[in-house]
Amino acid sequence: MNNNAYPYVDGFVAAVPNANKAEFIEHARAAAVVFKEHGALRVVECWGNDVPEGEVTSFSMAVKRKDDETVIFSWIEWPSRAVRDEAMPKVMQDPRLQMDVNPMPFDGKRVIFGGFESVINE
């Protein structure tokens, strides 16, 4: 199903050190500005506060969360995948998001991400 009325979504899950919560929020706010300048409709960042541990799978297990970390759940809504595909290289090259200017306050190797076509949006 390809319904252009529904947004395309990039989703992210990561583990952020609790001590870096304020830094994470600042980092995310700066990134949101850049994503929206390049066509994103909305950027949502969520700090986990009810994320149960699983026996087989869980958000915590997926990102190898440490005892002093919290799971974050984030998504970016785009008008379409085409808009996202055109914007993403520009976003990644934007000087405001370079590591020396806006370093990630978490281990980027443990981020899970992917692009998703919306099939229901009610």
N, C-alpha and C. Protein backbone atom coordinates (compact mmCIF):
# COMPACT_ATOMS: atom_id res chain seq x y z
N MET A 1 0.85 -1.19 0.00
CA MET A 1 0.00 0.00 0.00
C MET A 1 0.88 1.23 0.00
N ASN A 2 0.61 2.12 -0.89
CA ASN A 2 1.38 3.36 -0.95
C ASN A 2 0.39 4.52 -1.01
N ASN A 3 0.10 5.08 0.15
CA ASN A 3 -0.86 6.17 0.21
C ASN A 3 -0.10 7.45 0.51
N ASN A 4 0.01 8.32 -0.48
CA ASN A 4 0.77 9.56 -0.31
C ASN A 4 0.15 10.52 0.70
N ALA A 5 -1.10 10.26 1.13
CA ALA A 5 -1.72 11.11 2.14
C ALA A 5 -1.13 10.84 3.52
N TYR A 6 -0.45 9.72 3.67
CA TYR A 6 0.15 9.36 4.94
C TYR A 6 1.62 9.74 4.95
N PRO A 7 2.14 10.18 6.08
CA PRO A 7 3.57 10.55 6.13
C PRO A 7 4.48 9.33 6.08
N TYR A 8 5.67 9.56 5.64
CA TYR A 8 6.75 8.57 5.74
C TYR A 8 7.44 8.83 7.07
N VAL A 9 7.84 7.78 7.77
CA VAL A 9 8.38 7.94 9.13
C VAL A 9 9.74 7.29 9.25
N ASP A 10 10.69 8.03 9.79
CA ASP A 10 11.97 7.47 10.24
C ASP A 10 11.84 7.26 11.73
N GLY A 11 12.10 6.04 12.20
CA GLY A 11 12.00 5.73 13.63
C GLY A 11 13.35 5.40 14.23
N PHE A 12 13.50 5.74 15.51
CA PHE A 12 14.78 5.55 16.21
C PHE A 12 14.54 5.07 17.63
N VAL A 13 15.40 4.18 18.09
CA VAL A 13 15.44 3.76 19.49
C VAL A 13 16.91 3.77 19.89
N ALA A 14 17.21 4.32 21.06
CA ALA A 14 18.59 4.38 21.54
C ALA A 14 18.59 4.34 23.06
N ALA A 15 19.77 4.20 23.63
CA ALA A 15 19.96 4.27 25.07
C ALA A 15 20.81 5.51 25.35
N VAL A 16 20.32 6.37 26.25
CA VAL A 16 21.01 7.61 26.57
C VAL A 16 21.38 7.60 28.05
N PRO A 17 22.62 7.91 28.38
CA PRO A 17 22.99 8.00 29.80
C PRO A 17 22.08 8.99 30.53
N ASN A 18 21.59 8.59 31.69
CA ASN A 18 20.70 9.45 32.47
C ASN A 18 21.33 10.81 32.72
N ALA A 19 22.62 10.83 32.95
CA ALA A 19 23.32 12.09 33.22
C ALA A 19 23.31 13.02 32.02
N ASN A 20 23.01 12.50 30.84
CA ASN A 20 23.02 13.30 29.61
C ASN A 20 21.63 13.72 29.14
N LYS A 21 20.61 13.60 30.00
CA LYS A 21 19.25 13.91 29.55
C LYS A 21 19.14 15.33 29.01
N ALA A 22 19.60 16.32 29.75
CA ALA A 22 19.50 17.71 29.28
C ALA A 22 20.29 17.91 27.99
N GLU A 23 21.46 17.32 27.91
CA GLU A 23 22.29 17.41 26.71
C GLU A 23 21.59 16.75 25.52
N PHE A 24 20.94 15.61 25.77
CA PHE A 24 20.19 14.92 24.73
C PHE A 24 19.06 15.81 24.20
N ILE A 25 18.32 16.45 25.10
CA ILE A 25 17.22 17.31 24.70
C ILE A 25 17.74 18.48 23.86
N GLU A 26 18.83 19.08 24.28
CA GLU A 26 19.44 20.18 23.53
C GLU A 26 19.88 19.70 22.14
N HIS A 27 20.54 18.54 22.09
CA HIS A 27 20.98 17.94 20.83
C HIS A 27 19.78 17.70 19.91
N ALA A 28 18.73 17.14 20.46
CA ALA A 28 17.55 16.80 19.66
C ALA A 28 16.84 18.06 19.16
N ARG A 29 16.77 19.08 19.98
CA ARG A 29 16.14 20.33 19.54
C ARG A 29 16.90 20.95 18.37
N ALA A 30 18.21 20.95 18.46
CA ALA A 30 19.02 21.50 17.38
C ALA A 30 18.83 20.69 16.10
N ALA A 31 18.79 19.38 16.23
CA ALA A 31 18.60 18.52 15.06
C ALA A 31 17.21 18.72 14.46
N ALA A 32 16.20 18.88 15.31
CA ALA A 32 14.83 19.06 14.82
C ALA A 32 14.72 20.28 13.92
N VAL A 33 15.40 21.35 14.29
CA VAL A 33 15.38 22.56 13.46
C VAL A 33 15.89 22.24 12.05
N VAL A 34 16.99 21.51 11.99
CA VAL A 34 17.59 21.18 10.69
C VAL A 34 16.67 20.26 9.89
N PHE A 35 16.14 19.22 10.52
CA PHE A 35 15.23 18.30 9.82
C PHE A 35 14.03 19.06 9.26
N LYS A 36 13.45 19.94 10.05
CA LYS A 36 12.27 20.68 9.59
C LYS A 36 12.61 21.67 8.47
N GLU A 37 13.79 22.28 8.53
CA GLU A 37 14.21 23.17 7.44
C GLU A 37 14.33 22.41 6.12
N HIS A 38 14.60 21.10 6.22
CA HIS A 38 14.78 20.29 5.01
C HIS A 38 13.54 19.48 4.66
N GLY A 39 12.40 19.82 5.27
CA GLY A 39 11.15 19.22 4.83
C GLY A 39 10.43 18.32 5.79
N ALA A 40 11.00 18.00 6.94
CA ALA A 40 10.29 17.16 7.90
C ALA A 40 9.05 17.89 8.39
N LEU A 41 7.99 17.15 8.57
CA LEU A 41 6.75 17.72 9.08
C LEU A 41 6.77 17.85 10.60
N ARG A 42 7.39 16.86 11.24
CA ARG A 42 7.37 16.81 12.71
C ARG A 42 8.51 15.95 13.18
N VAL A 43 9.10 16.33 14.32
CA VAL A 43 10.15 15.55 14.97
C VAL A 43 9.69 15.32 16.40
N VAL A 44 9.66 14.06 16.83
CA VAL A 44 9.19 13.71 18.17
C VAL A 44 10.30 12.95 18.88
N GLU A 45 10.63 13.39 20.09
CA GLU A 45 11.64 12.73 20.92
C GLU A 45 10.98 12.35 22.24
N CYS A 46 11.09 11.10 22.65
CA CYS A 46 10.44 10.62 23.87
C CYS A 46 11.47 9.98 24.80
N TRP A 47 11.41 10.34 26.08
CA TRP A 47 12.29 9.80 27.13
C TRP A 47 11.52 8.70 27.85
N GLY A 48 12.02 7.48 27.83
CA GLY A 48 11.31 6.35 28.41
C GLY A 48 11.08 6.48 29.91
N ASN A 49 9.87 6.15 30.36
CA ASN A 49 9.60 6.10 31.79
C ASN A 49 8.74 4.90 32.18
N ASP A 50 8.35 4.09 31.19
CA ASP A 50 7.62 2.85 31.45
C ASP A 50 8.02 1.86 30.36
N VAL A 51 9.28 1.43 30.40
CA VAL A 51 9.84 0.56 29.36
C VAL A 51 10.24 -0.76 30.03
N PRO A 52 9.33 -1.74 30.01
CA PRO A 52 9.60 -2.99 30.73
C PRO A 52 10.74 -3.80 30.12
N GLU A 53 11.43 -4.49 30.99
CA GLU A 53 12.47 -5.43 30.55
C GLU A 53 11.78 -6.67 30.01
N GLY A 54 12.31 -7.22 28.94
CA GLY A 54 11.72 -8.41 28.37
C GLY A 54 12.51 -9.65 28.73
N GLU A 55 11.92 -10.79 28.47
CA GLU A 55 12.62 -12.06 28.66
C GLU A 55 13.24 -12.54 27.35
N VAL A 56 12.59 -12.21 26.24
CA VAL A 56 13.09 -12.61 24.92
C VAL A 56 13.53 -11.39 24.12
N THR A 57 12.68 -10.36 24.10
CA THR A 57 13.01 -9.11 23.41
C THR A 57 12.49 -7.93 24.23
N SER A 58 13.06 -6.79 24.02
CA SER A 58 12.59 -5.54 24.62
C SER A 58 13.38 -4.39 24.02
N PHE A 59 12.88 -3.18 24.22
CA PHE A 59 13.64 -2.02 23.78
C PHE A 59 15.00 -2.00 24.46
N SER A 60 15.02 -2.26 25.75
CA SER A 60 16.28 -2.22 26.50
C SER A 60 17.29 -3.22 25.95
N MET A 61 16.83 -4.42 25.68
CA MET A 61 17.73 -5.44 25.14
C MET A 61 18.22 -5.07 23.75
N ALA A 62 17.34 -4.49 22.95
CA ALA A 62 17.69 -4.15 21.58
C ALA A 62 18.82 -3.13 21.50
N VAL A 63 18.86 -2.19 22.45
CA VAL A 63 19.88 -1.15 22.44
C VAL A 63 20.97 -1.39 23.49
N LYS A 64 20.91 -2.56 24.11
CA LYS A 64 21.91 -2.94 25.13
C LYS A 64 22.02 -1.85 26.22
N ARG A 65 20.84 -1.46 26.72
CA ARG A 65 20.77 -0.41 27.75
C ARG A 65 21.54 -0.82 28.99
N LYS A 66 22.33 0.11 29.48
CA LYS A 66 23.08 -0.10 30.72
C LYS A 66 22.25 0.42 31.90
N ASP A 67 22.63 0.05 33.10
CA ASP A 67 21.87 0.42 34.30
C ASP A 67 21.70 1.92 34.48
N ASP A 68 22.65 2.69 34.00
CA ASP A 68 22.58 4.15 34.17
C ASP A 68 22.06 4.86 32.92
N GLU A 69 21.31 4.14 32.08
CA GLU A 69 20.78 4.71 30.84
C GLU A 69 19.26 4.57 30.78
N THR A 70 18.66 5.39 29.91
CA THR A 70 17.23 5.35 29.65
C THR A 70 17.03 5.17 28.15
N VAL A 71 16.00 4.40 27.79
CA VAL A 71 15.67 4.20 26.39
C VAL A 71 14.91 5.42 25.87
N ILE A 72 15.31 5.91 24.70
CA ILE A 72 14.55 6.95 24.02
C ILE A 72 13.90 6.36 22.78
N PHE A 73 12.77 6.93 22.42
CA PHE A 73 12.01 6.49 21.26
C PHE A 73 11.68 7.76 20.48
N SER A 74 12.06 7.79 19.22
CA SER A 74 11.94 9.03 18.44
C SER A 74 11.45 8.72 17.03
N TRP A 75 10.81 9.72 16.44
CA TRP A 75 10.47 9.57 15.04
C TRP A 75 10.41 10.92 14.36
N ILE A 76 10.62 10.86 13.05
CA ILE A 76 10.55 12.04 12.19
C ILE A 76 9.51 11.73 11.12
N GLU A 77 8.55 12.62 10.97
CA GLU A 77 7.54 12.46 9.93
C GLU A 77 7.90 13.32 8.73
N TRP A 78 7.81 12.71 7.57
CA TRP A 78 8.09 13.38 6.29
C TRP A 78 6.84 13.32 5.42
N PRO A 79 6.66 14.25 4.49
CA PRO A 79 5.51 14.18 3.60
C PRO A 79 5.53 12.92 2.72
N SER A 80 6.72 12.44 2.40
CA SER A 80 6.87 11.25 1.55
C SER A 80 8.29 10.71 1.69
N ARG A 81 8.48 9.52 1.20
CA ARG A 81 9.84 8.97 1.20
C ARG A 81 10.73 9.77 0.25
N ALA A 82 10.17 10.22 -0.85
CA ALA A 82 10.96 10.99 -1.81
C ALA A 82 11.50 12.26 -1.16
N VAL A 83 10.68 12.95 -0.37
CA VAL A 83 11.15 14.16 0.32
C VAL A 83 12.24 13.78 1.30
N ARG A 84 12.03 12.70 2.04
CA ARG A 84 13.05 12.24 3.00
C ARG A 84 14.34 11.87 2.30
N ASP A 85 14.25 11.12 1.23
CA ASP A 85 15.45 10.68 0.51
C ASP A 85 16.24 11.87 -0.05
N GLU A 86 15.55 12.90 -0.49
CA GLU A 86 16.22 14.09 -1.00
C GLU A 86 16.84 14.91 0.14
N ALA A 87 16.14 14.96 1.27
CA ALA A 87 16.59 15.80 2.40
C ALA A 87 17.73 15.18 3.19
N MET A 88 17.72 13.88 3.35
CA MET A 88 18.66 13.25 4.30
C MET A 88 20.13 13.54 4.01
N PRO A 89 20.61 13.49 2.76
CA PRO A 89 22.02 13.85 2.54
C PRO A 89 22.32 15.29 2.94
N LYS A 90 21.37 16.19 2.70
CA LYS A 90 21.56 17.59 3.09
C LYS A 90 21.60 17.74 4.61
N VAL A 91 20.73 17.01 5.29
CA VAL A 91 20.71 17.04 6.76
C VAL A 91 22.03 16.54 7.30
N MET A 92 22.51 15.43 6.77
CA MET A 92 23.75 14.83 7.27
C MET A 92 24.97 15.71 7.02
N GLN A 93 24.91 16.55 5.99
CA GLN A 93 26.02 17.46 5.68
C GLN A 93 25.89 18.82 6.35
N ASP A 94 24.75 19.08 6.97
CA ASP A 94 24.52 20.39 7.58
C ASP A 94 25.56 20.65 8.66
N PRO A 95 26.23 21.79 8.62
CA PRO A 95 27.29 22.08 9.60
C PRO A 95 26.80 22.08 11.05
N ARG A 96 25.51 22.37 11.27
CA ARG A 96 24.97 22.40 12.62
C ARG A 96 24.85 21.02 13.25
N LEU A 97 24.95 19.97 12.44
CA LEU A 97 24.82 18.61 12.98
C LEU A 97 26.14 17.84 12.98
N GLN A 98 27.21 18.50 12.66
CA GLN A 98 28.51 17.82 12.66
C GLN A 98 28.94 17.52 14.10
N MET A 99 29.65 16.44 14.27
CA MET A 99 30.02 15.95 15.60
C MET A 99 30.78 16.99 16.43
N ASP A 100 31.58 17.83 15.79
CA ASP A 100 32.33 18.82 16.55
C ASP A 100 31.44 19.98 17.03
N VAL A 101 30.27 20.14 16.43
CA VAL A 101 29.35 21.21 16.80
C VAL A 101 28.23 20.68 17.69
N ASN A 102 27.68 19.52 17.34
CA ASN A 102 26.53 18.95 18.06
C ASN A 102 26.75 17.44 18.25
N PRO A 103 27.69 17.07 19.15
CA PRO A 103 27.99 15.64 19.33
C PRO A 103 26.81 14.88 19.94
N MET A 104 26.68 13.62 19.54
CA MET A 104 25.63 12.78 20.10
C MET A 104 25.96 12.48 21.56
N PRO A 105 25.03 12.72 22.48
CA PRO A 105 25.29 12.45 23.90
C PRO A 105 24.95 11.01 24.28
N PHE A 106 25.19 10.09 23.35
CA PHE A 106 24.91 8.67 23.56
C PHE A 106 25.75 7.88 22.56
N ASP A 107 25.77 6.57 22.72
CA ASP A 107 26.55 5.70 21.85
C ASP A 107 25.80 5.45 20.54
N GLY A 108 26.23 6.10 19.49
CA GLY A 108 25.57 5.98 18.20
C GLY A 108 25.60 4.59 17.61
N LYS A 109 26.49 3.73 18.08
CA LYS A 109 26.57 2.35 17.59
C LYS A 109 25.39 1.51 18.08
N ARG A 110 24.69 2.00 19.13
CA ARG A 110 23.57 1.24 19.69
C ARG A 110 22.22 1.86 19.34
N VAL A 111 22.18 2.67 18.30
CA VAL A 111 20.92 3.24 17.83
C VAL A 111 20.31 2.26 16.83
N ILE A 112 19.03 2.04 16.97
CA ILE A 112 18.29 1.25 15.99
C ILE A 112 17.44 2.24 15.21
N PHE A 113 17.44 2.14 13.89
CA PHE A 113 16.67 3.08 13.09
C PHE A 113 16.16 2.40 11.84
N GLY A 114 15.15 2.99 11.26
CA GLY A 114 14.62 2.48 10.01
C GLY A 114 13.56 3.41 9.47
N GLY A 115 13.27 3.26 8.19
CA GLY A 115 12.23 4.05 7.53
C GLY A 115 10.98 3.21 7.36
N PHE A 116 9.82 3.86 7.55
CA PHE A 116 8.55 3.14 7.54
C PHE A 116 7.50 3.89 6.74
N GLU A 117 6.81 3.14 5.89
CA GLU A 117 5.68 3.67 5.15
C GLU A 117 4.46 3.55 6.05
N SER A 118 3.75 4.65 6.27
CA SER A 118 2.53 4.62 7.07
C SER A 118 1.44 3.86 6.34
N VAL A 119 0.76 2.97 7.03
CA VAL A 119 -0.36 2.24 6.44
C VAL A 119 -1.68 2.59 7.12
N ILE A 120 -1.61 3.11 8.34
CA ILE A 120 -2.78 3.65 9.05
C ILE A 120 -2.33 4.92 9.72
N ASN A 121 -3.15 5.97 9.61
CA ASN A 121 -2.83 7.24 10.24
C ASN A 121 -4.15 7.89 10.62
N GLU A 122 -4.66 7.53 11.77
CA GLU A 122 -5.99 7.99 12.21
C GLU A 122 -5.88 8.92 13.39
